[in-house]
Amino acid sequence: MNRHAMNYGAVMGLLFSLNFLVTTVKSIAFLQYLFIVVIIYCAYRFVVHCRENVMDGVISYGSALWYNMQLFMYGAMISAMVRYVFYAYIKPDFLQNQLNETIMALQGTPMADVISGEVYQQTVEMMTPLNMALQAIWLNLMLGLLLGLILAAIVKRRENPFADKIEE
């Protein structure tokens, strides 16, 4: 089951990475919603595939939840590496631009007073490529847990107690 989760976790990592890269281009950012649907569908299909091909058609709630968490963990690690490379090397000014756009959007609102010099400086210090990549891992794991709680309930299947068993 672990090897299966690693292989399909790599696919999830690719999907997470593509979803992230789509969000960095404003003209196609709307496609992130499509990627979210694809990620949910793939997570469901991968858990069912594991149940049918690895677990002989039987999977408990806990095993399905654990498998889903493994999918998201491996996917999150791959996606975090892509994010780090993007933030650190491909577009190093991206985080600063995002912060500036947020500050501009808050101008004229009550929140503008909260974002003062000290808070702004602390935010800038926290927005490093490494911190953002690590935050992405936690975000993906939390979303994986929420999705896993639901998916595990849907895909769990007990062994049929009335199935013919050959006794030796």
Protein backbone atom coordinates (compact mmCIF):
# COMPACT_ATOMS: atom_id res chain seq x y z
CA MET A 1 0.00 0.00 0.00
CA ASN A 2 2.87 2.39 0.76
CA ARG A 3 4.50 1.95 -2.66
CA HIS A 4 1.11 2.48 -4.29
CA ALA A 5 0.63 5.69 -2.28
CA MET A 6 4.08 6.93 -3.26
CA ASN A 7 3.45 6.38 -6.96
CA TYR A 8 0.04 8.01 -6.97
CA GLY A 9 1.25 10.68 -4.54
CA ALA A 10 3.65 11.75 -7.28
CA VAL A 11 0.66 12.26 -9.56
CA MET A 12 -1.03 14.30 -6.83
CA GLY A 13 2.17 16.34 -6.51
CA LEU A 14 2.05 17.07 -10.21
CA LEU A 15 -1.58 18.17 -9.91
CA PHE A 16 -0.83 20.35 -6.86
CA SER A 17 2.10 21.91 -8.70
CA LEU A 18 0.09 22.60 -11.84
CA ASN A 19 -2.67 24.10 -9.71
CA PHE A 20 -0.13 26.40 -8.04
CA LEU A 21 1.45 27.42 -11.34
CA VAL A 22 -1.96 28.19 -12.81
CA THR A 23 -2.71 30.53 -9.89
CA THR A 24 0.45 32.53 -10.60
CA VAL A 25 -0.83 33.59 -14.03
CA LYS A 26 -3.74 35.98 -13.57
CA SER A 27 -5.21 35.44 -17.03
CA ILE A 28 -5.78 31.71 -16.41
CA ALA A 29 -6.17 31.71 -12.61
CA PHE A 30 -9.81 30.65 -13.00
CA LEU A 31 -8.53 27.20 -14.02
CA GLN A 32 -7.59 26.54 -10.40
CA TYR A 33 -11.21 25.55 -9.76
CA LEU A 34 -10.96 22.91 -12.45
CA PHE A 35 -7.77 21.60 -10.86
CA ILE A 36 -9.47 21.40 -7.47
CA VAL A 37 -12.21 19.22 -8.95
CA VAL A 38 -9.61 17.07 -10.72
CA ILE A 39 -7.62 16.68 -7.48
CA ILE A 40 -10.71 15.56 -5.55
CA TYR A 41 -11.70 13.13 -8.31
CA CYS A 42 -8.18 11.70 -8.57
CA ALA A 43 -7.94 11.25 -4.80
CA TYR A 44 -11.21 9.30 -4.89
CA ARG A 45 -10.10 7.17 -7.84
CA PHE A 46 -6.70 6.45 -6.30
CA VAL A 47 -8.23 5.30 -3.00
CA VAL A 48 -10.70 3.08 -4.87
CA HIS A 49 -7.87 1.74 -7.03
CA CYS A 50 -5.90 0.89 -3.91
CA ARG A 51 -8.93 -0.82 -2.38
CA GLU A 52 -9.59 -2.92 -5.46
CA ASN A 53 -6.04 -3.78 -6.53
CA VAL A 54 -3.92 -3.69 -3.39
CA MET A 55 -6.37 -4.48 -0.61
CA ASP A 56 -8.38 -7.19 -2.46
CA GLY A 57 -11.59 -5.18 -2.51
CA VAL A 58 -11.70 -4.55 1.23
CA ILE A 59 -10.56 -1.39 3.01
CA SER A 60 -11.35 -0.05 6.46
CA TYR A 61 -12.15 3.56 7.20
CA GLY A 62 -8.79 4.01 8.93
CA SER A 63 -6.82 2.45 6.08
CA ALA A 64 -8.60 4.58 3.49
CA LEU A 65 -7.96 7.70 5.57
CA TRP A 66 -4.29 6.79 6.03
CA TYR A 67 -3.86 6.06 2.33
CA ASN A 68 -5.40 9.42 1.42
CA MET A 69 -3.12 11.18 3.90
CA GLN A 70 -0.12 9.46 2.31
CA LEU A 71 -1.28 10.62 -1.14
CA PHE A 72 -1.50 14.19 0.07
CA MET A 73 1.76 14.01 2.03
CA TYR A 74 3.80 12.83 -0.96
CA GLY A 75 2.00 15.26 -3.24
CA ALA A 76 2.55 18.14 -0.81
CA MET A 77 6.28 17.46 -0.63
CA ILE A 78 6.61 17.51 -4.41
CA SER A 79 4.49 20.64 -4.67
CA ALA A 80 6.53 22.35 -1.94
CA MET A 81 9.71 21.75 -3.91
CA VAL A 82 8.12 23.29 -7.01
CA ARG A 83 6.92 26.26 -4.97
CA TYR A 84 10.33 26.80 -3.43
CA VAL A 85 12.06 26.75 -6.81
CA PHE A 86 9.44 29.12 -8.20
CA TYR A 87 9.67 31.60 -5.31
CA ALA A 88 13.44 31.45 -4.95
CA TYR A 89 14.69 31.19 -8.53
CA ILE A 90 12.03 31.57 -11.22
CA LYS A 91 10.18 34.62 -9.89
CA PRO A 92 11.93 35.89 -6.76
CA ASP A 93 9.86 39.10 -6.66
CA PHE A 94 6.53 37.25 -6.76
CA LEU A 95 5.97 37.21 -2.98
CA GLN A 96 6.79 40.89 -2.58
CA ASN A 97 4.45 41.77 -5.45
CA GLN A 98 1.66 39.71 -3.86
CA LEU A 99 2.14 41.53 -0.56
CA ASN A 100 2.13 44.92 -2.28
CA GLU A 101 -1.07 44.05 -4.18
CA THR A 102 -2.71 43.02 -0.91
CA ILE A 103 -1.67 46.28 0.77
CA MET A 104 -3.04 48.27 -2.18
CA ALA A 105 -6.34 46.38 -2.01
CA LEU A 106 -6.61 47.15 1.71
CA GLN A 107 -6.07 50.89 1.26
CA GLY A 108 -9.15 52.79 2.36
CA THR A 109 -10.45 49.94 4.52
CA PRO A 110 -10.27 49.62 8.31
CA MET A 111 -7.61 46.91 7.84
CA ALA A 112 -5.23 49.46 6.31
CA ASP A 113 -4.48 50.87 9.77
CA VAL A 114 -3.63 47.41 11.10
CA ILE A 115 -0.97 46.87 8.44
CA SER A 116 1.44 49.36 9.94
CA GLY A 117 5.21 49.46 9.63
CA GLU A 118 6.01 46.80 12.23
CA VAL A 119 3.33 44.36 11.09
CA TYR A 120 4.35 44.91 7.47
CA GLN A 121 8.01 44.26 8.31
CA GLN A 122 7.14 41.04 10.18
CA THR A 123 5.03 39.88 7.26
CA VAL A 124 7.87 40.54 4.82
CA GLU A 125 10.26 38.58 7.04
CA MET A 126 7.86 35.63 7.15
CA MET A 127 7.27 35.57 3.39
CA THR A 128 10.42 33.70 2.45
CA PRO A 129 10.42 30.95 -0.18
CA LEU A 130 11.11 28.31 2.46
CA ASN A 131 8.34 29.49 4.79
CA MET A 132 5.84 29.62 1.95
CA ALA A 133 6.79 26.12 0.79
CA LEU A 134 6.43 24.76 4.32
CA GLN A 135 3.07 26.47 4.71
CA ALA A 136 1.96 24.81 1.48
CA ILE A 137 2.81 21.39 2.95
CA TRP A 138 0.66 22.06 6.02
CA LEU A 139 -2.18 23.45 3.91
CA ASN A 140 -2.19 20.41 1.62
CA LEU A 141 -2.07 18.05 4.61
CA MET A 142 -5.00 19.78 6.31
CA LEU A 143 -7.02 19.73 3.09
CA GLY A 144 -6.05 16.07 2.63
CA LEU A 145 -7.31 15.30 6.12
CA LEU A 146 -10.64 17.02 5.48
CA LEU A 147 -11.07 15.31 2.14
CA GLY A 148 -9.85 12.01 3.57
CA LEU A 149 -12.45 12.04 6.34
CA ILE A 150 -15.16 12.22 3.70
CA LEU A 151 -13.58 9.93 1.09
CA ALA A 152 -12.77 7.20 3.62
CA ALA A 153 -16.43 7.03 4.61
CA ILE A 154 -17.43 6.71 0.96
CA VAL A 155 -14.91 4.10 -0.18
CA LYS A 156 -14.64 1.86 2.89
CA ARG A 157 -15.79 -1.67 2.27
CA ARG A 158 -15.95 -4.55 4.68
CA GLU A 159 -15.43 -8.13 3.77
CA ASN A 160 -18.70 -9.89 2.99
CA PRO A 161 -19.45 -12.13 5.99
CA PHE A 162 -21.69 -14.33 3.85
CA ALA A 163 -19.09 -15.02 1.17
CA ASP A 164 -18.27 -18.65 0.65
CA LYS A 165 -15.11 -19.43 2.51
CA ILE A 166 -13.12 -22.55 1.94
CA GLU A 167 -12.05 -24.05 5.22
CA GLU A 168 -8.95 -26.14 5.31
